[in-house]
Amino acid sequence: MKIIEDTPRRRRADLPGADSPVLQSLERYWQTLRHAQRIPSRNDIEPSQIDRALPYAFILQRVAPGIARMRVASQQLHDILRMDARGMPISSFFLPQARAQIATLIESAFTEPAIVCVPLDSPGSLVRPHLTGTMLLLPLNDANGKTTRILGALVTDGQTGTRPRRFEVPRGAIIRHEPLSLQLASVQSIPRPTQQKGPDVQRPALRLIVNNA
């Protein structure tokens, strides 16, 4: 994977998931829970507040470096695997050649922590239609304040078909990788001008990763 630093010329509207109302609504909700820039807790999540994303949503639990299992899985994930996805490793959704890359991205979402959004592709065949999708990963803390959970969603464009599907990351695809700033607002004692149009909100640095595998 090749990392490209973001530039002002690259618009966020061009990033993976930017055109998905489902993923955008889920991230907006997650952002509202980030009081003082902290990572939201698993216990903060109210399913009634994510009605639009609920059919596509999941919660991952980190069990080892690069390994995470589904603790909560939506109907969409059942339709992709053609079985109950709860308890399954996230690698179950990916072709063998993509699993090392996905493990690296998921581990970075837990440990940096970072927002990750990945374009996906499931090749077609005589019995499976071509399928594309996007996966969003949003870090969550557990009851001990450790980032061991992820709130995520996987949306697809096309028919899943009647057989299990597996994905890969398209070669040359741009992956959104946005490390989070975890400094408390009370620590940021930067003098402000006397006249100001609005609050000064500092966004995390954005890095773009090109899949050149």
N, C-alpha and C. Protein backbone atom coordinates (compact mmCIF):
# COMPACT_ATOMS: atom_id res chain seq x y z
N MET A 1 0.84 -1.19 0.00
CA MET A 1 0.00 0.00 0.00
C MET A 1 0.88 1.24 0.00
N LYS A 2 0.51 2.21 -0.79
CA LYS A 2 1.25 3.45 -0.89
C LYS A 2 0.44 4.56 -0.24
N ILE A 3 1.05 5.28 0.73
CA ILE A 3 0.36 6.35 1.43
C ILE A 3 0.63 7.68 0.74
N ILE A 4 -0.44 8.43 0.49
CA ILE A 4 -0.36 9.74 -0.12
C ILE A 4 -0.90 10.76 0.87
N GLU A 5 -0.12 11.77 1.20
CA GLU A 5 -0.64 12.81 2.08
C GLU A 5 -1.69 13.62 1.33
N ASP A 6 -2.73 13.99 2.07
CA ASP A 6 -3.81 14.75 1.48
C ASP A 6 -3.32 16.15 1.12
N THR A 7 -3.91 16.73 0.09
CA THR A 7 -3.62 18.11 -0.30
C THR A 7 -4.94 18.87 -0.38
N PRO A 8 -4.90 20.22 -0.29
CA PRO A 8 -6.15 20.99 -0.38
C PRO A 8 -6.89 20.76 -1.68
N ARG A 9 -6.18 20.32 -2.72
CA ARG A 9 -6.85 20.13 -4.01
C ARG A 9 -7.76 18.91 -4.02
N ARG A 10 -7.49 17.96 -3.14
CA ARG A 10 -8.31 16.76 -3.12
C ARG A 10 -9.51 17.00 -2.24
N ARG A 11 -10.70 16.91 -2.80
CA ARG A 11 -11.92 17.16 -2.07
C ARG A 11 -12.36 15.91 -1.32
N ARG A 12 -12.95 16.11 -0.14
CA ARG A 12 -13.48 14.97 0.60
C ARG A 12 -14.61 14.30 -0.15
N ALA A 13 -15.25 15.03 -1.03
CA ALA A 13 -16.33 14.43 -1.83
C ALA A 13 -15.81 13.35 -2.76
N ASP A 14 -14.49 13.31 -2.99
CA ASP A 14 -13.90 12.30 -3.88
C ASP A 14 -13.50 11.04 -3.13
N LEU A 15 -13.63 11.03 -1.80
CA LEU A 15 -13.14 9.90 -1.01
C LEU A 15 -14.14 8.76 -0.99
N PRO A 16 -13.69 7.54 -0.68
CA PRO A 16 -14.62 6.40 -0.58
C PRO A 16 -15.72 6.68 0.44
N GLY A 17 -16.95 6.32 0.07
CA GLY A 17 -18.09 6.49 0.97
C GLY A 17 -18.73 7.85 0.96
N ALA A 18 -18.11 8.83 0.29
CA ALA A 18 -18.64 10.19 0.30
C ALA A 18 -19.99 10.29 -0.41
N ASP A 19 -20.27 9.36 -1.31
CA ASP A 19 -21.53 9.39 -2.05
C ASP A 19 -22.55 8.41 -1.49
N SER A 20 -22.29 7.87 -0.30
CA SER A 20 -23.20 6.90 0.31
C SER A 20 -23.99 7.54 1.45
N PRO A 21 -25.28 7.77 1.29
CA PRO A 21 -26.07 8.34 2.38
C PRO A 21 -26.03 7.48 3.64
N VAL A 22 -25.97 6.16 3.48
CA VAL A 22 -25.93 5.25 4.63
C VAL A 22 -24.66 5.48 5.44
N LEU A 23 -23.50 5.46 4.77
CA LEU A 23 -22.23 5.62 5.48
C LEU A 23 -22.09 7.02 6.05
N GLN A 24 -22.55 8.02 5.32
CA GLN A 24 -22.47 9.39 5.81
C GLN A 24 -23.32 9.59 7.06
N SER A 25 -24.51 9.00 7.07
CA SER A 25 -25.38 9.16 8.24
C SER A 25 -24.78 8.46 9.46
N LEU A 26 -24.15 7.29 9.25
CA LEU A 26 -23.53 6.58 10.37
C LEU A 26 -22.36 7.37 10.93
N GLU A 27 -21.53 7.92 10.06
CA GLU A 27 -20.39 8.69 10.55
C GLU A 27 -20.83 9.97 11.26
N ARG A 28 -21.87 10.62 10.76
CA ARG A 28 -22.37 11.82 11.43
C ARG A 28 -22.82 11.50 12.85
N TYR A 29 -23.53 10.39 13.01
CA TYR A 29 -23.97 9.99 14.35
C TYR A 29 -22.76 9.72 15.24
N TRP A 30 -21.79 8.97 14.75
CA TRP A 30 -20.58 8.66 15.51
C TRP A 30 -19.86 9.95 15.92
N GLN A 31 -19.80 10.91 15.02
CA GLN A 31 -19.13 12.18 15.32
C GLN A 31 -19.85 12.94 16.42
N THR A 32 -21.17 12.85 16.50
CA THR A 32 -21.91 13.56 17.55
C THR A 32 -21.59 12.99 18.93
N LEU A 33 -21.08 11.77 19.00
CA LEU A 33 -20.74 11.15 20.28
C LEU A 33 -19.32 11.48 20.73
N ARG A 34 -18.57 12.17 19.91
CA ARG A 34 -17.16 12.46 20.22
C ARG A 34 -17.03 13.72 21.06
N HIS A 35 -17.57 13.71 22.27
CA HIS A 35 -17.45 14.85 23.16
C HIS A 35 -15.99 15.06 23.54
N ALA A 36 -15.54 16.32 23.45
CA ALA A 36 -14.14 16.67 23.77
C ALA A 36 -13.16 15.79 22.99
N GLN A 37 -13.56 15.40 21.79
CA GLN A 37 -12.71 14.66 20.85
C GLN A 37 -12.35 13.26 21.37
N ARG A 38 -13.07 12.73 22.32
CA ARG A 38 -12.78 11.39 22.79
C ARG A 38 -13.34 10.36 21.81
N ILE A 39 -12.91 9.11 21.98
CA ILE A 39 -13.48 8.02 21.20
C ILE A 39 -14.80 7.61 21.85
N PRO A 40 -15.88 7.51 21.09
CA PRO A 40 -17.15 7.07 21.69
C PRO A 40 -17.04 5.66 22.26
N SER A 41 -17.91 5.38 23.22
CA SER A 41 -17.95 4.06 23.84
C SER A 41 -18.95 3.16 23.14
N ARG A 42 -18.70 1.87 23.21
CA ARG A 42 -19.66 0.89 22.68
C ARG A 42 -21.03 1.11 23.33
N ASN A 43 -21.05 1.44 24.61
CA ASN A 43 -22.32 1.62 25.32
C ASN A 43 -23.05 2.90 24.92
N ASP A 44 -22.36 3.80 24.20
CA ASP A 44 -23.00 5.03 23.73
C ASP A 44 -23.94 4.79 22.54
N ILE A 45 -23.73 3.70 21.83
CA ILE A 45 -24.45 3.47 20.58
C ILE A 45 -25.89 3.10 20.85
N GLU A 46 -26.80 3.87 20.28
CA GLU A 46 -28.23 3.62 20.38
C GLU A 46 -28.74 3.18 19.02
N PRO A 47 -29.13 1.91 18.85
CA PRO A 47 -29.59 1.44 17.54
C PRO A 47 -30.71 2.29 16.96
N SER A 48 -31.55 2.85 17.81
CA SER A 48 -32.67 3.66 17.31
C SER A 48 -32.19 4.93 16.62
N GLN A 49 -30.93 5.33 16.88
CA GLN A 49 -30.39 6.55 16.29
C GLN A 49 -29.71 6.31 14.95
N ILE A 50 -29.59 5.05 14.56
CA ILE A 50 -28.92 4.75 13.28
C ILE A 50 -29.84 3.89 12.40
N ASP A 51 -31.12 4.23 12.41
CA ASP A 51 -32.10 3.44 11.65
C ASP A 51 -31.69 3.25 10.19
N ARG A 52 -31.18 4.32 9.58
CA ARG A 52 -30.85 4.26 8.15
C ARG A 52 -29.70 3.29 7.88
N ALA A 53 -28.75 3.25 8.80
CA ALA A 53 -27.56 2.41 8.59
C ALA A 53 -27.70 1.03 9.21
N LEU A 54 -28.71 0.82 10.05
CA LEU A 54 -28.81 -0.41 10.82
C LEU A 54 -28.79 -1.68 9.97
N PRO A 55 -29.46 -1.73 8.81
CA PRO A 55 -29.44 -2.96 8.00
C PRO A 55 -28.05 -3.31 7.46
N TYR A 56 -27.11 -2.36 7.52
CA TYR A 56 -25.77 -2.56 6.94
C TYR A 56 -24.68 -2.56 8.01
N ALA A 57 -25.05 -2.34 9.27
CA ALA A 57 -24.07 -2.06 10.32
C ALA A 57 -23.53 -3.33 10.98
N PHE A 58 -22.40 -3.16 11.65
CA PHE A 58 -21.81 -4.24 12.44
C PHE A 58 -20.96 -3.64 13.54
N ILE A 59 -20.64 -4.46 14.53
CA ILE A 59 -19.68 -4.09 15.57
C ILE A 59 -18.63 -5.18 15.64
N LEU A 60 -17.37 -4.78 15.53
CA LEU A 60 -16.24 -5.69 15.61
C LEU A 60 -15.61 -5.63 16.99
N GLN A 61 -15.05 -6.75 17.43
CA GLN A 61 -14.26 -6.81 18.65
C GLN A 61 -12.87 -7.31 18.29
N ARG A 62 -11.85 -6.58 18.74
CA ARG A 62 -10.46 -6.98 18.50
C ARG A 62 -10.11 -8.13 19.42
N VAL A 63 -9.61 -9.22 18.85
CA VAL A 63 -9.24 -10.39 19.65
C VAL A 63 -7.74 -10.67 19.60
N ALA A 64 -7.05 -10.10 18.61
CA ALA A 64 -5.60 -10.23 18.46
C ALA A 64 -5.16 -9.22 17.42
N PRO A 65 -3.85 -8.93 17.31
CA PRO A 65 -3.41 -7.99 16.29
C PRO A 65 -3.89 -8.39 14.89
N GLY A 66 -4.63 -7.49 14.25
CA GLY A 66 -5.13 -7.73 12.91
C GLY A 66 -6.31 -8.66 12.82
N ILE A 67 -6.82 -9.14 13.95
CA ILE A 67 -7.93 -10.09 13.96
C ILE A 67 -9.09 -9.50 14.76
N ALA A 68 -10.26 -9.47 14.15
CA ALA A 68 -11.46 -8.95 14.81
C ALA A 68 -12.65 -9.79 14.40
N ARG A 69 -13.55 -10.01 15.35
CA ARG A 69 -14.74 -10.83 15.11
C ARG A 69 -16.01 -9.98 15.21
N MET A 70 -17.02 -10.42 14.47
CA MET A 70 -18.31 -9.76 14.50
C MET A 70 -19.03 -10.05 15.81
N ARG A 71 -19.32 -9.01 16.59
CA ARG A 71 -20.15 -9.17 17.77
C ARG A 71 -21.61 -8.89 17.46
N VAL A 72 -21.83 -7.95 16.56
CA VAL A 72 -23.17 -7.62 16.06
C VAL A 72 -23.07 -7.57 14.55
N ALA A 73 -24.02 -8.18 13.85
CA ALA A 73 -23.97 -8.23 12.39
C ALA A 73 -25.38 -8.05 11.82
N SER A 74 -25.48 -7.25 10.79
CA SER A 74 -26.77 -6.89 10.19
C SER A 74 -27.23 -7.92 9.15
N GLN A 75 -28.42 -7.70 8.65
CA GLN A 75 -28.98 -8.56 7.62
C GLN A 75 -28.15 -8.51 6.34
N GLN A 76 -27.59 -7.34 6.03
CA GLN A 76 -26.76 -7.22 4.83
C GLN A 76 -25.58 -8.17 4.88
N LEU A 77 -24.96 -8.30 6.03
CA LEU A 77 -23.81 -9.19 6.15
C LEU A 77 -24.22 -10.66 6.04
N HIS A 78 -25.40 -10.97 6.55
CA HIS A 78 -25.95 -12.32 6.37
C HIS A 78 -26.14 -12.61 4.88
N ASP A 79 -26.67 -11.64 4.14
CA ASP A 79 -26.92 -11.84 2.72
C ASP A 79 -25.63 -12.01 1.93
N ILE A 80 -24.55 -11.38 2.39
CA ILE A 80 -23.27 -11.50 1.69
C ILE A 80 -22.64 -12.87 1.94
N LEU A 81 -22.64 -13.29 3.19
CA LEU A 81 -22.03 -14.59 3.53
C LEU A 81 -22.98 -15.76 3.31
N ARG A 82 -24.28 -15.47 3.21
CA ARG A 82 -25.33 -16.49 3.14
C ARG A 82 -25.35 -17.33 4.42
N MET A 83 -25.03 -16.69 5.55
CA MET A 83 -25.07 -17.34 6.85
C MET A 83 -24.98 -16.24 7.91
N ASP A 84 -25.25 -16.61 9.16
CA ASP A 84 -25.16 -15.67 10.26
C ASP A 84 -23.70 -15.27 10.45
N ALA A 85 -23.43 -13.95 10.37
CA ALA A 85 -22.06 -13.46 10.46
C ALA A 85 -21.59 -13.25 11.89
N ARG A 86 -22.47 -13.33 12.86
CA ARG A 86 -22.06 -13.10 14.25
C ARG A 86 -21.05 -14.16 14.69
N GLY A 87 -19.96 -13.68 15.28
CA GLY A 87 -18.88 -14.56 15.71
C GLY A 87 -17.85 -14.86 14.64
N MET A 88 -18.13 -14.46 13.38
CA MET A 88 -17.20 -14.72 12.30
C MET A 88 -16.10 -13.66 12.27
N PRO A 89 -14.88 -14.04 11.88
CA PRO A 89 -13.84 -13.02 11.71
C PRO A 89 -14.15 -12.15 10.50
N ILE A 90 -13.74 -10.90 10.55
CA ILE A 90 -13.98 -9.99 9.44
C ILE A 90 -13.29 -10.49 8.17
N SER A 91 -12.23 -11.27 8.32
CA SER A 91 -11.53 -11.82 7.15
C SER A 91 -12.42 -12.74 6.33
N SER A 92 -13.52 -13.25 6.91
CA SER A 92 -14.43 -14.13 6.19
C SER A 92 -15.05 -13.45 4.98
N PHE A 93 -15.06 -12.12 4.98
CA PHE A 93 -15.68 -11.37 3.89
C PHE A 93 -14.71 -11.09 2.75
N PHE A 94 -13.46 -11.56 2.86
CA PHE A 94 -12.45 -11.18 1.89
C PHE A 94 -11.78 -12.39 1.25
N LEU A 95 -11.38 -12.21 0.01
CA LEU A 95 -10.62 -13.22 -0.70
C LEU A 95 -9.24 -13.39 -0.04
N PRO A 96 -8.64 -14.56 -0.16
CA PRO A 96 -7.35 -14.80 0.52
C PRO A 96 -6.29 -13.75 0.22
N GLN A 97 -6.22 -13.27 -1.02
CA GLN A 97 -5.17 -12.31 -1.38
C GLN A 97 -5.39 -10.93 -0.76
N ALA A 98 -6.57 -10.66 -0.23
CA ALA A 98 -6.86 -9.35 0.35
C ALA A 98 -6.77 -9.35 1.87
N ARG A 99 -6.64 -10.50 2.50
CA ARG A 99 -6.80 -10.57 3.95
C ARG A 99 -5.66 -9.91 4.72
N ALA A 100 -4.43 -9.99 4.23
CA ALA A 100 -3.32 -9.34 4.93
C ALA A 100 -3.48 -7.83 4.91
N GLN A 101 -3.90 -7.29 3.78
CA GLN A 101 -4.10 -5.85 3.66
C GLN A 101 -5.23 -5.39 4.57
N ILE A 102 -6.34 -6.12 4.58
CA ILE A 102 -7.47 -5.76 5.43
C ILE A 102 -7.07 -5.84 6.90
N ALA A 103 -6.29 -6.84 7.28
CA ALA A 103 -5.84 -6.96 8.67
C ALA A 103 -5.02 -5.74 9.08
N THR A 104 -4.17 -5.24 8.18
CA THR A 104 -3.37 -4.06 8.47
C THR A 104 -4.25 -2.83 8.68
N LEU A 105 -5.24 -2.67 7.82
CA LEU A 105 -6.13 -1.51 7.93
C LEU A 105 -6.98 -1.57 9.20
N ILE A 106 -7.49 -2.74 9.52
CA ILE A 106 -8.30 -2.88 10.73
C ILE A 106 -7.46 -2.64 11.97
N GLU A 107 -6.24 -3.15 11.98
CA GLU A 107 -5.37 -2.94 13.13
C GLU A 107 -5.06 -1.45 13.31
N SER A 108 -4.89 -0.71 12.22
CA SER A 108 -4.64 0.72 12.33
C SER A 108 -5.87 1.45 12.86
N ALA A 109 -7.06 1.00 12.49
CA ALA A 109 -8.28 1.61 13.02
C ALA A 109 -8.36 1.45 14.53
N PHE A 110 -7.92 0.30 15.05
CA PHE A 110 -7.92 0.07 16.49
C PHE A 110 -6.80 0.83 17.20
N THR A 111 -5.59 0.76 16.67
CA THR A 111 -4.43 1.17 17.45
C THR A 111 -4.02 2.62 17.26
N GLU A 112 -4.32 3.26 16.12
CA GLU A 112 -3.88 4.65 15.98
C GLU A 112 -4.66 5.62 16.87
N PRO A 113 -5.94 5.56 17.04
CA PRO A 113 -6.97 4.94 16.21
C PRO A 113 -7.27 5.82 15.00
N ALA A 114 -8.04 5.26 14.04
CA ALA A 114 -8.28 5.98 12.80
C ALA A 114 -9.63 5.60 12.20
N ILE A 115 -10.21 6.54 11.48
CA ILE A 115 -11.34 6.26 10.61
C ILE A 115 -10.79 5.64 9.33
N VAL A 116 -11.36 4.53 8.89
CA VAL A 116 -10.92 3.88 7.67
C VAL A 116 -12.14 3.63 6.80
N CYS A 117 -12.01 3.94 5.51
CA CYS A 117 -13.09 3.66 4.56
C CYS A 117 -12.46 3.06 3.30
N VAL A 118 -12.93 1.87 2.93
CA VAL A 118 -12.27 1.06 1.91
C VAL A 118 -13.24 0.71 0.78
N PRO A 119 -12.90 1.00 -0.47
CA PRO A 119 -13.71 0.50 -1.59
C PRO A 119 -13.46 -0.99 -1.79
N LEU A 120 -14.50 -1.72 -2.15
CA LEU A 120 -14.42 -3.17 -2.28
C LEU A 120 -14.91 -3.63 -3.64
N ASP A 121 -14.44 -4.81 -4.03
CA ASP A 121 -14.84 -5.38 -5.31
C ASP A 121 -14.94 -6.89 -5.16
N SER A 122 -16.06 -7.45 -5.63
CA SER A 122 -16.24 -8.90 -5.65
C SER A 122 -16.37 -9.33 -7.11
N PRO A 123 -15.35 -10.00 -7.65
CA PRO A 123 -15.38 -10.35 -9.08
C PRO A 123 -16.58 -11.22 -9.43
N GLY A 124 -17.09 -11.02 -10.63
CA GLY A 124 -18.21 -11.80 -11.11
C GLY A 124 -17.76 -13.11 -11.74
N SER A 125 -18.73 -14.00 -11.94
CA SER A 125 -18.49 -15.28 -12.60
C SER A 125 -19.79 -15.70 -13.28
N LEU A 126 -19.82 -16.92 -13.80
CA LEU A 126 -21.03 -17.40 -14.45
C LEU A 126 -22.20 -17.48 -13.49
N VAL A 127 -21.92 -17.71 -12.21
CA VAL A 127 -22.99 -17.88 -11.23
C VAL A 127 -23.07 -16.73 -10.23
N ARG A 128 -22.16 -15.76 -10.34
CA ARG A 128 -22.15 -14.63 -9.42
C ARG A 128 -22.03 -13.33 -10.19
N PRO A 129 -22.97 -12.39 -10.02
CA PRO A 129 -22.83 -11.09 -10.68
C PRO A 129 -21.70 -10.28 -10.05
N HIS A 130 -21.08 -9.42 -10.83
CA HIS A 130 -20.05 -8.53 -10.30
C HIS A 130 -20.67 -7.63 -9.24
N LEU A 131 -19.94 -7.41 -8.14
CA LEU A 131 -20.48 -6.66 -7.01
C LEU A 131 -19.40 -5.71 -6.49
N THR A 132 -19.78 -4.47 -6.24
CA THR A 132 -18.87 -3.51 -5.62
C THR A 132 -19.46 -3.07 -4.28
N GLY A 133 -18.63 -2.48 -3.45
CA GLY A 133 -19.10 -2.04 -2.15
C GLY A 133 -18.12 -1.11 -1.48
N THR A 134 -18.48 -0.67 -0.29
CA THR A 134 -17.62 0.20 0.52
C THR A 134 -17.79 -0.19 1.98
N MET A 135 -16.69 -0.26 2.71
CA MET A 135 -16.72 -0.58 4.14
C MET A 135 -16.16 0.59 4.93
N LEU A 136 -16.91 1.02 5.95
CA LEU A 136 -16.50 2.10 6.83
C LEU A 136 -16.22 1.54 8.22
N LEU A 137 -15.11 1.97 8.84
CA LEU A 137 -14.71 1.53 10.17
C LEU A 137 -14.55 2.75 11.08
N LEU A 138 -15.26 2.75 12.23
CA LEU A 138 -15.24 3.86 13.17
C LEU A 138 -14.88 3.31 14.56
N PRO A 139 -13.76 3.72 15.15
CA PRO A 139 -13.31 3.15 16.42
C PRO A 139 -14.27 3.43 17.58
N LEU A 140 -14.32 2.47 18.51
CA LEU A 140 -15.10 2.60 19.74
C LEU A 140 -14.25 2.11 20.92
N ASN A 141 -14.49 2.70 22.08
CA ASN A 141 -13.87 2.22 23.31
C ASN A 141 -14.75 1.19 23.99
N ASP A 142 -14.12 0.31 24.76
CA ASP A 142 -14.87 -0.64 25.57
C ASP A 142 -15.11 -0.05 26.96
N ALA A 143 -15.63 -0.86 27.88
CA ALA A 143 -15.96 -0.38 29.22
C ALA A 143 -14.72 0.03 30.01
N ASN A 144 -13.54 -0.44 29.59
CA ASN A 144 -12.29 -0.10 30.27
C ASN A 144 -11.55 1.06 29.61
N GLY A 145 -12.19 1.69 28.63
CA GLY A 145 -11.57 2.82 27.95
C GLY A 145 -10.55 2.44 26.91
N LYS A 146 -10.50 1.17 26.52
CA LYS A 146 -9.58 0.70 25.48
C LYS A 146 -10.31 0.63 24.15
N THR A 147 -9.59 0.96 23.08
CA THR A 147 -10.21 0.94 21.75
C THR A 147 -10.15 -0.48 21.20
N THR A 148 -11.13 -1.28 21.60
CA THR A 148 -11.18 -2.69 21.19
C THR A 148 -12.45 -3.01 20.40
N ARG A 149 -13.21 -1.99 20.04
CA ARG A 149 -14.43 -2.19 19.27
C ARG A 149 -14.41 -1.27 18.05
N ILE A 150 -15.14 -1.66 17.04
CA ILE A 150 -15.33 -0.81 15.85
C ILE A 150 -16.80 -0.84 15.48
N LEU A 151 -17.36 0.33 15.27
CA LEU A 151 -18.68 0.46 14.65
C LEU A 151 -18.45 0.61 13.16
N GLY A 152 -19.06 -0.24 12.38
CA GLY A 152 -18.83 -0.20 10.94
C GLY A 152 -20.09 -0.46 10.15
N ALA A 153 -19.95 -0.33 8.84
CA ALA A 153 -21.04 -0.66 7.92
C ALA A 153 -20.43 -1.07 6.59
N LEU A 154 -21.13 -1.96 5.90
CA LEU A 154 -20.71 -2.41 4.58
C LEU A 154 -21.90 -2.29 3.65
N VAL A 155 -21.78 -1.41 2.68
CA VAL A 155 -22.84 -1.21 1.69
C VAL A 155 -22.35 -1.73 0.35
N THR A 156 -23.26 -2.28 -0.43
CA THR A 156 -22.90 -2.81 -1.75
C THR A 156 -23.75 -2.16 -2.83
N ASP A 157 -23.23 -2.22 -4.04
CA ASP A 157 -23.92 -1.68 -5.21
C ASP A 157 -24.07 -2.82 -6.20
N GLY A 158 -25.27 -3.38 -6.27
CA GLY A 158 -25.52 -4.51 -7.14
C GLY A 158 -26.17 -5.65 -6.37
N GLN A 159 -26.51 -6.69 -7.06
CA GLN A 159 -27.17 -7.84 -6.46
C GLN A 159 -26.13 -8.78 -5.84
N THR A 160 -26.37 -9.19 -4.60
CA THR A 160 -25.44 -10.11 -3.95
C THR A 160 -25.55 -11.52 -4.53
N GLY A 161 -26.71 -11.86 -5.08
CA GLY A 161 -26.89 -13.19 -5.63
C GLY A 161 -27.27 -14.18 -4.54
N THR A 162 -27.23 -15.45 -4.88
CA THR A 162 -27.66 -16.49 -3.95
C THR A 162 -26.50 -17.31 -3.39
N ARG A 163 -25.28 -16.92 -3.72
CA ARG A 163 -24.10 -17.62 -3.24
C ARG A 163 -23.24 -16.70 -2.39
N PRO A 164 -22.41 -17.25 -1.50
CA PRO A 164 -21.55 -16.41 -0.67
C PRO A 164 -20.63 -15.53 -1.52
N ARG A 165 -20.38 -14.32 -1.03
CA ARG A 165 -19.51 -13.38 -1.73
C ARG A 165 -18.29 -13.08 -0.89
N ARG A 166 -17.16 -12.84 -1.58
CA ARG A 166 -15.92 -12.42 -0.94
C ARG A 166 -15.38 -11.22 -1.72
N PHE A 167 -14.71 -10.32 -1.01
CA PHE A 167 -14.25 -9.07 -1.61
C PHE A 167 -12.73 -8.98 -1.64
N GLU A 168 -12.26 -8.09 -2.48
CA GLU A 168 -10.88 -7.64 -2.49
C GLU A 168 -10.88 -6.12 -2.62
N VAL A 169 -9.71 -5.50 -2.42
CA VAL A 169 -9.58 -4.06 -2.60
C VAL A 169 -9.06 -3.83 -4.01
N PRO A 170 -9.80 -3.07 -4.85
CA PRO A 170 -9.38 -2.90 -6.23
C PRO A 170 -7.98 -2.29 -6.33
N ARG A 171 -7.19 -2.79 -7.23
CA ARG A 171 -5.85 -2.26 -7.45
C ARG A 171 -5.95 -0.80 -7.88
N GLY A 172 -5.16 0.06 -7.27
CA GLY A 172 -5.17 1.48 -7.59
C GLY A 172 -6.24 2.26 -6.86
N ALA A 173 -7.05 1.59 -6.04
CA ALA A 173 -8.12 2.28 -5.33
C ALA A 173 -7.56 3.18 -4.23
N ILE A 174 -8.25 4.30 -3.99
CA ILE A 174 -7.90 5.19 -2.90
C ILE A 174 -8.63 4.75 -1.64
N ILE A 175 -7.89 4.60 -0.55
CA ILE A 175 -8.45 4.20 0.74
C ILE A 175 -8.36 5.40 1.68
N ARG A 176 -9.45 5.74 2.30
CA ARG A 176 -9.44 6.82 3.30
C ARG A 176 -8.89 6.28 4.61
N HIS A 177 -7.88 6.97 5.15
CA HIS A 177 -7.26 6.57 6.41
C HIS A 177 -7.03 7.85 7.20
N GLU A 178 -7.85 8.09 8.22
CA GLU A 178 -7.88 9.38 8.91
C GLU A 178 -7.59 9.18 10.41
N PRO A 179 -6.32 9.30 10.82
CA PRO A 179 -6.00 9.18 12.25
C PRO A 179 -6.73 10.25 13.05
N LEU A 180 -7.16 9.88 14.25
CA LEU A 180 -7.97 10.78 15.06
C LEU A 180 -7.09 11.59 16.00
N SER A 181 -7.50 12.83 16.22
CA SER A 181 -6.87 13.68 17.22
C SER A 181 -7.59 13.47 18.53
N LEU A 182 -6.87 13.06 19.57
CA LEU A 182 -7.49 12.72 20.84
C LEU A 182 -7.16 13.70 21.95
N GLN A 183 -6.61 14.87 21.60
CA GLN A 183 -6.34 15.88 22.61
C GLN A 183 -7.65 16.44 23.13
N LEU A 184 -7.76 16.57 24.44
CA LEU A 184 -8.95 17.16 25.02
C LEU A 184 -9.02 18.63 24.70
N ALA A 185 -10.23 19.13 24.53
CA ALA A 185 -10.43 20.53 24.18
C ALA A 185 -9.84 21.45 25.24
N SER A 186 -9.87 21.04 26.51
CA SER A 186 -9.36 21.88 27.59
C SER A 186 -7.85 22.08 27.50
N VAL A 187 -7.16 21.19 26.79
CA VAL A 187 -5.72 21.29 26.66
C VAL A 187 -5.33 22.27 25.57
N GLN A 188 -6.24 22.53 24.64
CA GLN A 188 -5.94 23.37 23.49
C GLN A 188 -6.17 24.83 23.85
N SER A 189 -5.17 25.46 24.45
CA SER A 189 -5.29 26.85 24.90
C SER A 189 -4.65 27.77 23.89
N ILE A 190 -5.17 27.78 22.68
CA ILE A 190 -4.64 28.62 21.60
C ILE A 190 -5.40 29.94 21.60
N PRO A 191 -4.70 31.10 21.67
CA PRO A 191 -5.40 32.39 21.64
C PRO A 191 -6.24 32.52 20.38
N ARG A 192 -7.42 33.08 20.52
CA ARG A 192 -8.33 33.28 19.39
C ARG A 192 -8.49 34.77 19.10
N PRO A 193 -8.73 35.13 17.84
CA PRO A 193 -8.99 36.53 17.53
C PRO A 193 -10.28 37.00 18.17
N THR A 194 -10.39 38.31 18.35
CA THR A 194 -11.57 38.85 19.01
C THR A 194 -12.82 38.68 18.18
N GLN A 195 -12.71 38.74 16.86
CA GLN A 195 -13.85 38.54 15.98
C GLN A 195 -13.67 37.22 15.24
N GLN A 196 -14.68 36.40 15.32
CA GLN A 196 -14.58 35.05 14.73
C GLN A 196 -15.94 34.64 14.20
N LYS A 197 -15.97 34.09 13.01
CA LYS A 197 -17.23 33.73 12.37
C LYS A 197 -17.84 32.48 12.96
N GLY A 198 -17.03 31.58 13.50
CA GLY A 198 -17.56 30.33 14.02
C GLY A 198 -16.49 29.60 14.80
N PRO A 199 -16.85 28.47 15.37
CA PRO A 199 -15.88 27.71 16.16
C PRO A 199 -14.76 27.16 15.30
N ASP A 200 -13.58 27.14 15.89
CA ASP A 200 -12.41 26.62 15.19
C ASP A 200 -12.31 25.13 15.42
N VAL A 201 -12.77 24.35 14.45
CA VAL A 201 -12.77 22.91 14.58
C VAL A 201 -11.58 22.34 13.84
N GLN A 202 -10.73 21.63 14.55
CA GLN A 202 -9.54 21.04 13.95
C GLN A 202 -9.83 19.61 13.52
N ARG A 203 -9.74 19.36 12.23
CA ARG A 203 -9.97 18.02 11.71
C ARG A 203 -8.69 17.21 11.81
N PRO A 204 -8.82 15.90 11.99
CA PRO A 204 -7.63 15.05 11.99
C PRO A 204 -6.92 15.10 10.64
N ALA A 205 -5.63 14.82 10.66
CA ALA A 205 -4.89 14.75 9.41
C ALA A 205 -5.44 13.62 8.57
N LEU A 206 -5.52 13.85 7.26
CA LEU A 206 -6.07 12.85 6.36
C LEU A 206 -4.96 12.28 5.50
N ARG A 207 -4.85 10.95 5.54
CA ARG A 207 -3.91 10.29 4.66
C ARG A 207 -4.68 9.40 3.70
N LEU A 208 -4.25 9.36 2.48
CA LEU A 208 -4.87 8.54 1.46
C LEU A 208 -3.92 7.41 1.09
N ILE A 209 -4.45 6.21 1.04
CA ILE A 209 -3.63 5.04 0.73
C ILE A 209 -4.08 4.49 -0.61
N VAL A 210 -3.14 4.31 -1.51
CA VAL A 210 -3.43 3.71 -2.81
C VAL A 210 -3.11 2.23 -2.73
N ASN A 211 -4.07 1.40 -3.12
CA ASN A 211 -3.82 -0.04 -3.13
C ASN A 211 -3.03 -0.39 -4.39
N ASN A 212 -1.73 -0.59 -4.23
CA ASN A 212 -0.90 -0.96 -5.38
C ASN A 212 -0.41 -2.39 -5.29
N ALA A 213 -1.16 -3.19 -4.48
CA ALA A 213 -0.76 -4.60 -4.34
C ALA A 213 -1.10 -5.38 -5.60
